[in-house]
Amino acid sequence: MSETSDQRETGSNPSVPAELDHSWVATELHDGLMQWVFSAHMQLERLEKDLDLIAAPQQLQQVQSIGKVISSALEEGRGLIGFLEGTAGIGARAKKHWLEGLLEFISLVGTDAQKTGHELTIDANPSHWPEMSDLQAWNLSRVVQQAVNNAIQHAGPCSISIRPRINKQTFEVEIRDDGAGFDSAESIATGHFGLSGMEHRAHLLSGELQVESQVGLGTMIRLRFEPESE
């Protein structure tokens, strides 16, 4: 008997309930990866205490900046574990909480981006971010995060904009940058810049992902789907 495409992609056992798969992944994350991240955070805190503010102000500032990133990683991990366990995850919170989490990520990335001459702008009007299910909120956040990180890490833009819009029953968010750009047809085919992951998340949202980019002319990524309240 041949496996379905979904089984091949996830490696899941059809005889095992999905919630048990999720619980196992959550446990592995907590007992494995998260322990390494927590250990790094503790070591960085000790280093921060040992640094002399007068003698090494720049080093202290850098350590504190790295500490914020690791703290955010810990929060991300805890949120993912909660989401997988079905308790206190991103979907169990009110809309403002997942939106605040997304905006916090954007703010953190934006602060770091400004140090290298980038500018990050966002339309943060709460009315432009609709109510939606846990799964939709999670995947929306991931697409935005991936698009912003791609721009900063690979494109060297002067500015990045994030614009959410609601049109009747459809919600869309557009992430646009004025960076180096790329051959979008080739990159989508090869899965470069996490585009295959974003395509997969758009599929999970029963939505559409549009990517437009040309070398030297920046990039536009638009995600469009219909929000579903729980």
C-alpha atoms as a PDB file:
ATOM      1  CA  MET A   1       0.000   0.000   0.000  1.00  0.00           C
ATOM      2  CA  SER A   2       1.467   3.360  -0.989  1.00  0.00           C
ATOM      3  CA  GLU A   3       1.592   6.334   1.350  1.00  0.00           C
ATOM      4  CA  THR A   4      -0.370   9.478   0.642  1.00  0.00           C
ATOM      5  CA  SER A   5       1.555  12.663  -0.121  1.00  0.00           C
ATOM      6  CA  ASP A   6       0.626  14.090   3.285  1.00  0.00           C
ATOM      7  CA  GLN A   7       2.018  11.000   5.026  1.00  0.00           C
ATOM      8  CA  ARG A   8       5.236  11.196   3.070  1.00  0.00           C
ATOM      9  CA  GLU A   9       5.641  14.908   3.861  1.00  0.00           C
ATOM     10  CA  THR A  10       5.041  14.594   7.583  1.00  0.00           C
ATOM     11  CA  GLY A  11       6.333  11.078   8.135  1.00  0.00           C
ATOM     12  CA  SER A  12       3.259  10.488  10.313  1.00  0.00           C
ATOM     13  CA  ASN A  13       1.873   7.075  11.156  1.00  0.00           C
ATOM     14  CA  PRO A  14      -1.794   6.882  10.100  1.00  0.00           C
ATOM     15  CA  SER A  15      -2.490   4.534  13.025  1.00  0.00           C
ATOM     16  CA  VAL A  16      -1.389   7.160  15.569  1.00  0.00           C
ATOM     17  CA  PRO A  17      -3.840   9.980  16.406  1.00  0.00           C
ATOM     18  CA  ALA A  18      -2.566  13.415  15.375  1.00  0.00           C
ATOM     19  CA  GLU A  19      -2.836  14.743  18.926  1.00  0.00           C
ATOM     20  CA  LEU A  20      -0.385  12.085  20.119  1.00  0.00           C
ATOM     21  CA  ASP A  21       2.076  13.042  17.380  1.00  0.00           C
ATOM     22  CA  HIS A  22       1.781  16.667  18.491  1.00  0.00           C
ATOM     23  CA  SER A  23       2.236  15.746  22.151  1.00  0.00           C
ATOM     24  CA  TRP A  24       5.390  13.769  21.337  1.00  0.00           C
ATOM     25  CA  VAL A  25       6.868  16.656  19.326  1.00  0.00           C
ATOM     26  CA  ALA A  26       6.059  19.057  22.181  1.00  0.00           C
ATOM     27  CA  THR A  27       7.812  16.786  24.672  1.00  0.00           C
ATOM     28  CA  GLU A  28      10.875  16.430  22.455  1.00  0.00           C
ATOM     29  CA  LEU A  29      11.082  20.203  22.004  1.00  0.00           C
ATOM     30  CA  HIS A  30      10.819  20.795  25.744  1.00  0.00           C
ATOM     31  CA  ASP A  31      13.307  18.110  26.774  1.00  0.00           C
ATOM     32  CA  GLY A  32      15.764  18.668  23.940  1.00  0.00           C
ATOM     33  CA  LEU A  33      16.063  21.878  21.942  1.00  0.00           C
ATOM     34  CA  MET A  34      14.575  24.151  24.605  1.00  0.00           C
ATOM     35  CA  GLN A  35      17.073  22.939  27.203  1.00  0.00           C
ATOM     36  CA  TRP A  36      19.977  23.972  24.976  1.00  0.00           C
ATOM     37  CA  VAL A  37      18.447  27.394  24.367  1.00  0.00           C
ATOM     38  CA  PHE A  38      17.790  27.850  28.096  1.00  0.00           C
ATOM     39  CA  SER A  39      21.370  26.870  28.878  1.00  0.00           C
ATOM     40  CA  ALA A  40      22.687  29.435  26.393  1.00  0.00           C
ATOM     41  CA  HIS A  41      20.449  32.066  27.989  1.00  0.00           C
ATOM     42  CA  MET A  42      21.779  31.278  31.472  1.00  0.00           C
ATOM     43  CA  GLN A  43      25.397  31.450  30.305  1.00  0.00           C
ATOM     44  CA  LEU A  44      24.757  34.767  28.601  1.00  0.00           C
ATOM     45  CA  GLU A  45      23.208  36.162  31.783  1.00  0.00           C
ATOM     46  CA  ARG A  46      26.341  35.193  33.729  1.00  0.00           C
ATOM     47  CA  LEU A  47      28.516  36.829  31.090  1.00  0.00           C
ATOM     48  CA  GLU A  48      26.443  40.005  31.310  1.00  0.00           C
ATOM     49  CA  LYS A  49      27.000  40.161  35.071  1.00  0.00           C
ATOM     50  CA  ASP A  50      30.748  39.701  34.608  1.00  0.00           C
ATOM     51  CA  LEU A  51      31.102  42.479  32.044  1.00  0.00           C
ATOM     52  CA  ASP A  52      32.122  45.885  33.296  1.00  0.00           C
ATOM     53  CA  LEU A  53      29.763  48.618  32.091  1.00  0.00           C
ATOM     54  CA  ILE A  54      32.567  51.196  32.230  1.00  0.00           C
ATOM     55  CA  ALA A  55      35.327  49.115  30.666  1.00  0.00           C
ATOM     56  CA  ALA A  56      33.253  47.355  28.003  1.00  0.00           C
ATOM     57  CA  PRO A  57      30.046  49.312  27.260  1.00  0.00           C
ATOM     58  CA  GLN A  58      29.787  48.147  23.628  1.00  0.00           C
ATOM     59  CA  GLN A  59      30.331  44.502  24.515  1.00  0.00           C
ATOM     60  CA  LEU A  60      27.728  44.737  27.263  1.00  0.00           C
ATOM     61  CA  GLN A  61      25.218  46.262  24.857  1.00  0.00           C
ATOM     62  CA  GLN A  62      25.860  43.478  22.357  1.00  0.00           C
ATOM     63  CA  VAL A  63      25.434  40.791  24.999  1.00  0.00           C
ATOM     64  CA  GLN A  64      22.167  42.380  26.135  1.00  0.00           C
ATOM     65  CA  SER A  65      20.931  42.474  22.542  1.00  0.00           C
ATOM     66  CA  ILE A  66      21.761  38.787  22.077  1.00  0.00           C
ATOM     67  CA  GLY A  67      20.002  38.075  25.371  1.00  0.00           C
ATOM     68  CA  LYS A  68      16.800  39.646  24.064  1.00  0.00           C
ATOM     69  CA  VAL A  69      16.946  37.472  20.964  1.00  0.00           C
ATOM     70  CA  ILE A  70      17.426  34.316  23.031  1.00  0.00           C
ATOM     71  CA  SER A  71      14.590  35.361  25.366  1.00  0.00           C
ATOM     72  CA  SER A  72      12.357  35.739  22.321  1.00  0.00           C
ATOM     73  CA  ALA A  73      13.439  32.283  21.141  1.00  0.00           C
ATOM     74  CA  LEU A  74      12.451  30.848  24.522  1.00  0.00           C
ATOM     75  CA  GLU A  75       9.045  32.506  24.312  1.00  0.00           C
ATOM     76  CA  GLU A  76       8.620  31.195  20.780  1.00  0.00           C
ATOM     77  CA  GLY A  77       9.474  27.702  21.956  1.00  0.00           C
ATOM     78  CA  ARG A  78       7.096  27.838  24.902  1.00  0.00           C
ATOM     79  CA  GLY A  79       4.340  29.138  22.644  1.00  0.00           C
ATOM     80  CA  LEU A  80       4.915  26.347  20.133  1.00  0.00           C
ATOM     81  CA  ILE A  81       4.942  23.700  22.847  1.00  0.00           C
ATOM     82  CA  GLY A  82       1.695  25.065  24.246  1.00  0.00           C
ATOM     83  CA  PHE A  83       0.165  25.167  20.792  1.00  0.00           C
ATOM     84  CA  LEU A  84       1.130  21.543  20.115  1.00  0.00           C
ATOM     85  CA  GLU A  85      -0.181  20.428  23.497  1.00  0.00           C
ATOM     86  CA  GLY A  86      -3.403  22.336  22.954  1.00  0.00           C
ATOM     87  CA  THR A  87      -2.928  24.342  26.158  1.00  0.00           C
ATOM     88  CA  ALA A  88      -2.033  28.011  26.544  1.00  0.00           C
ATOM     89  CA  GLY A  89      -0.808  28.116  22.947  1.00  0.00           C
ATOM     90  CA  ILE A  90      -1.123  31.013  20.589  1.00  0.00           C
ATOM     91  CA  GLY A  91      -4.650  29.995  19.651  1.00  0.00           C
ATOM     92  CA  ALA A  92      -5.827  29.824  23.259  1.00  0.00           C
ATOM     93  CA  ARG A  93      -5.136  33.527  23.662  1.00  0.00           C
ATOM     94  CA  ALA A  94      -7.150  36.509  22.585  1.00  0.00           C
ATOM     95  CA  LYS A  95      -6.479  38.099  19.229  1.00  0.00           C
ATOM     96  CA  LYS A  96      -4.505  40.926  20.783  1.00  0.00           C
ATOM     97  CA  HIS A  97      -2.003  38.458  22.207  1.00  0.00           C
ATOM     98  CA  TRP A  98      -0.988  36.773  18.957  1.00  0.00           C
ATOM     99  CA  LEU A  99      -0.971  40.170  17.279  1.00  0.00           C
ATOM    100  CA  GLU A 100       1.185  41.597  20.073  1.00  0.00           C
ATOM    101  CA  GLY A 101       3.544  38.665  19.646  1.00  0.00           C
ATOM    102  CA  LEU A 102       3.852  39.360  15.938  1.00  0.00           C
ATOM    103  CA  LEU A 103       4.374  43.070  16.514  1.00  0.00           C
ATOM    104  CA  GLU A 104       6.948  42.328  19.222  1.00  0.00           C
ATOM    105  CA  PHE A 105       8.894  40.205  16.740  1.00  0.00           C
ATOM    106  CA  ILE A 106       8.711  42.974  14.145  1.00  0.00           C
ATOM    107  CA  SER A 107       9.826  45.559  16.688  1.00  0.00           C
ATOM    108  CA  LEU A 108      12.811  43.443  17.752  1.00  0.00           C
ATOM    109  CA  VAL A 109      13.871  42.775  14.169  1.00  0.00           C
ATOM    110  CA  GLY A 110      13.256  46.406  13.263  1.00  0.00           C
ATOM    111  CA  THR A 111      15.531  47.653  16.035  1.00  0.00           C
ATOM    112  CA  ASP A 112      18.339  45.385  14.867  1.00  0.00           C
ATOM    113  CA  ALA A 113      17.684  46.331  11.238  1.00  0.00           C
ATOM    114  CA  GLN A 114      18.031  50.039  11.990  1.00  0.00           C
ATOM    115  CA  LYS A 115      21.581  49.430  13.192  1.00  0.00           C
ATOM    116  CA  THR A 116      22.477  48.440   9.626  1.00  0.00           C
ATOM    117  CA  GLY A 117      20.557  51.244   7.944  1.00  0.00           C
ATOM    118  CA  HIS A 118      17.260  49.414   7.359  1.00  0.00           C
ATOM    119  CA  GLU A 119      13.839  50.817   8.164  1.00  0.00           C
ATOM    120  CA  LEU A 120      10.827  48.678   9.067  1.00  0.00           C
ATOM    121  CA  THR A 121       7.318  50.121   8.841  1.00  0.00           C
ATOM    122  CA  ILE A 122       4.016  48.465   9.701  1.00  0.00           C
ATOM    123  CA  ASP A 123       0.366  49.359   9.661  1.00  0.00           C
ATOM    124  CA  ALA A 124      -0.469  48.268  13.207  1.00  0.00           C
ATOM    125  CA  ASN A 125      -4.127  49.364  13.204  1.00  0.00           C
ATOM    126  CA  PRO A 126      -5.869  46.518  15.106  1.00  0.00           C
ATOM    127  CA  SER A 127      -8.897  46.784  12.812  1.00  0.00           C
ATOM    128  CA  HIS A 128      -6.707  45.650   9.939  1.00  0.00           C
ATOM    129  CA  TRP A 129      -5.924  42.337  11.673  1.00  0.00           C
ATOM    130  CA  PRO A 130      -9.084  40.198  11.868  1.00  0.00           C
ATOM    131  CA  GLU A 131     -10.123  37.471  14.263  1.00  0.00           C
ATOM    132  CA  MET A 132      -8.966  34.052  13.095  1.00  0.00           C
ATOM    133  CA  SER A 133      -8.397  30.493  14.276  1.00  0.00           C
ATOM    134  CA  ASP A 134      -5.292  29.351  16.156  1.00  0.00           C
ATOM    135  CA  LEU A 135      -3.859  27.537  13.139  1.00  0.00           C
ATOM    136  CA  GLN A 136      -4.396  30.535  10.895  1.00  0.00           C
ATOM    137  CA  ALA A 137      -2.831  32.968  13.379  1.00  0.00           C
ATOM    138  CA  TRP A 138       0.171  30.682  13.822  1.00  0.00           C
ATOM    139  CA  ASN A 139       0.810  30.252  10.096  1.00  0.00           C
ATOM    140  CA  LEU A 140       0.185  33.928   9.332  1.00  0.00           C
ATOM    141  CA  SER A 141       2.790  34.897  11.922  1.00  0.00           C
ATOM    142  CA  ARG A 142       5.284  32.435  10.487  1.00  0.00           C
ATOM    143  CA  VAL A 143       4.888  33.707   6.918  1.00  0.00           C
ATOM    144  CA  VAL A 144       5.417  37.322   8.012  1.00  0.00           C
ATOM    145  CA  GLN A 145       8.442  36.372  10.111  1.00  0.00           C
ATOM    146  CA  GLN A 146      10.017  34.411   7.265  1.00  0.00           C
ATOM    147  CA  ALA A 147       9.437  37.188   4.744  1.00  0.00           C
ATOM    148  CA  VAL A 148      10.931  39.863   7.009  1.00  0.00           C
ATOM    149  CA  ASN A 149      13.943  37.732   7.946  1.00  0.00           C
ATOM    150  CA  ASN A 150      14.549  36.885   4.285  1.00  0.00           C
ATOM    151  CA  ALA A 151      14.616  40.550   3.343  1.00  0.00           C
ATOM    152  CA  ILE A 152      17.047  41.541   6.077  1.00  0.00           C
ATOM    153  CA  GLN A 153      19.350  38.539   5.762  1.00  0.00           C
ATOM    154  CA  HIS A 154      19.521  38.272   1.978  1.00  0.00           C
ATOM    155  CA  ALA A 155      18.316  41.446   0.264  1.00  0.00           C
ATOM    156  CA  GLY A 156      20.004  44.363   2.095  1.00  0.00           C
ATOM    157  CA  PRO A 157      16.972  46.665   1.751  1.00  0.00           C
ATOM    158  CA  CYS A 158      16.703  50.266   2.867  1.00  0.00           C
ATOM    159  CA  SER A 159      13.070  49.733   3.843  1.00  0.00           C
ATOM    160  CA  ILE A 160      10.565  46.937   4.459  1.00  0.00           C
ATOM    161  CA  SER A 161       6.825  47.518   4.721  1.00  0.00           C
ATOM    162  CA  ILE A 162       4.091  45.250   6.105  1.00  0.00           C
ATOM    163  CA  ARG A 163       0.533  46.140   5.092  1.00  0.00           C
ATOM    164  CA  PRO A 164      -2.540  44.154   6.201  1.00  0.00           C
ATOM    165  CA  ARG A 165      -5.858  44.677   4.378  1.00  0.00           C
ATOM    166  CA  ILE A 166      -9.403  43.328   4.658  1.00  0.00           C
ATOM    167  CA  ASN A 167     -11.596  43.072   1.557  1.00  0.00           C
ATOM    168  CA  LYS A 168     -15.035  41.633   2.377  1.00  0.00           C
ATOM    169  CA  GLN A 169     -14.334  38.044   3.530  1.00  0.00           C
ATOM    170  CA  THR A 170     -10.713  38.036   2.419  1.00  0.00           C
ATOM    171  CA  PHE A 171      -7.678  39.103   4.420  1.00  0.00           C
ATOM    172  CA  GLU A 172      -4.305  39.767   2.881  1.00  0.00           C
ATOM    173  CA  VAL A 173      -0.955  40.922   4.168  1.00  0.00           C
ATOM    174  CA  GLU A 174       1.721  42.301   1.888  1.00  0.00           C
ATOM    175  CA  ILE A 175       5.420  42.392   2.763  1.00  0.00           C
ATOM    176  CA  ARG A 176       7.456  44.540   0.395  1.00  0.00           C
ATOM    177  CA  ASP A 177      11.140  45.503   0.391  1.00  0.00           C
ATOM    178  CA  ASP A 178      13.383  47.560  -1.870  1.00  0.00           C
ATOM    179  CA  GLY A 179      16.367  45.227  -1.611  1.00  0.00           C
ATOM    180  CA  ALA A 180      18.434  43.251  -4.083  1.00  0.00           C
ATOM    181  CA  GLY A 181      15.576  41.065  -5.292  1.00  0.00           C
ATOM    182  CA  PHE A 182      15.955  37.689  -6.993  1.00  0.00           C
ATOM    183  CA  ASP A 183      14.656  35.566  -9.838  1.00  0.00           C
ATOM    184  CA  SER A 184      11.350  34.544  -8.240  1.00  0.00           C
ATOM    185  CA  ALA A 185      10.581  31.798 -10.764  1.00  0.00           C
ATOM    186  CA  GLU A 186      13.900  30.052 -10.107  1.00  0.00           C
ATOM    187  CA  SER A 187      13.816  30.554  -6.334  1.00  0.00           C
ATOM    188  CA  ILE A 188      10.276  29.197  -5.949  1.00  0.00           C
ATOM    189  CA  ALA A 189      11.180  26.136  -8.019  1.00  0.00           C
ATOM    190  CA  THR A 190      14.252  25.410  -5.884  1.00  0.00           C
ATOM    191  CA  GLY A 191      12.677  26.350  -2.545  1.00  0.00           C
ATOM    192  CA  HIS A 192      15.216  29.091  -1.818  1.00  0.00           C
ATOM    193  CA  PHE A 193      14.626  31.713   0.902  1.00  0.00           C
ATOM    194  CA  GLY A 194      12.062  29.511   2.661  1.00  0.00           C
ATOM    195  CA  LEU A 195       9.546  30.094  -0.137  1.00  0.00           C
ATOM    196  CA  SER A 196       8.493  26.445  -0.194  1.00  0.00           C
ATOM    197  CA  GLY A 197       7.702  26.693   3.528  1.00  0.00           C
ATOM    198  CA  MET A 198       5.621  29.814   2.957  1.00  0.00           C
ATOM    199  CA  GLU A 199       3.817  28.073   0.093  1.00  0.00           C
ATOM    200  CA  HIS A 200       3.052  25.179   2.419  1.00  0.00           C
ATOM    201  CA  ARG A 201       1.665  27.507   5.076  1.00  0.00           C
ATOM    202  CA  ALA A 202      -0.503  29.241   2.482  1.00  0.00           C
ATOM    203  CA  HIS A 203      -1.836  25.796   1.579  1.00  0.00           C
ATOM    204  CA  LEU A 204      -2.622  25.091   5.249  1.00  0.00           C
ATOM    205  CA  LEU A 205      -4.539  28.366   5.297  1.00  0.00           C
ATOM    206  CA  SER A 206      -6.449  27.365   2.140  1.00  0.00           C
ATOM    207  CA  GLY A 207      -5.044  30.601   0.788  1.00  0.00           C
ATOM    208  CA  GLU A 208      -2.775  31.957  -1.891  1.00  0.00           C
ATOM    209  CA  LEU A 209       0.826  33.141  -1.762  1.00  0.00           C
ATOM    210  CA  GLN A 210       2.005  35.553  -4.431  1.00  0.00           C
ATOM    211  CA  VAL A 211       5.706  36.307  -4.884  1.00  0.00           C
ATOM    212  CA  GLU A 212       7.003  39.007  -7.212  1.00  0.00           C
ATOM    213  CA  SER A 213      10.691  39.832  -7.418  1.00  0.00           C
ATOM    214  CA  GLN A 214      13.326  40.885  -9.905  1.00  0.00           C
ATOM    215  CA  VAL A 215      17.044  41.216  -9.433  1.00  0.00           C
ATOM    216  CA  GLY A 216      17.764  44.788  -8.344  1.00  0.00           C
ATOM    217  CA  LEU A 217      14.094  45.725  -7.984  1.00  0.00           C
ATOM    218  CA  GLY A 218      13.082  44.382  -4.593  1.00  0.00           C
ATOM    219  CA  THR A 219      10.512  41.814  -3.554  1.00  0.00           C
ATOM    220  CA  MET A 220       6.787  41.687  -2.839  1.00  0.00           C
ATOM    221  CA  ILE A 221       5.182  38.780  -0.971  1.00  0.00           C
ATOM    222  CA  ARG A 222       1.416  38.740  -0.572  1.00  0.00           C
ATOM    223  CA  LEU A 223      -0.536  36.194   1.470  1.00  0.00           C
ATOM    224  CA  ARG A 224      -4.305  36.044   0.972  1.00  0.00           C
ATOM    225  CA  PHE A 225      -6.851  33.829   2.791  1.00  0.00           C
ATOM    226  CA  GLU A 226     -10.288  33.837   4.426  1.00  0.00           C
ATOM    227  CA  PRO A 227     -10.142  34.146   8.232  1.00  0.00           C
ATOM    228  CA  GLU A 228     -12.099  31.632  10.277  1.00  0.00           C
ATOM    229  CA  SER A 229     -13.190  32.382  13.847  1.00  0.00           C
ATOM    230  CA  GLU A 230     -13.189  29.492  16.302  1.00  0.00           C
END
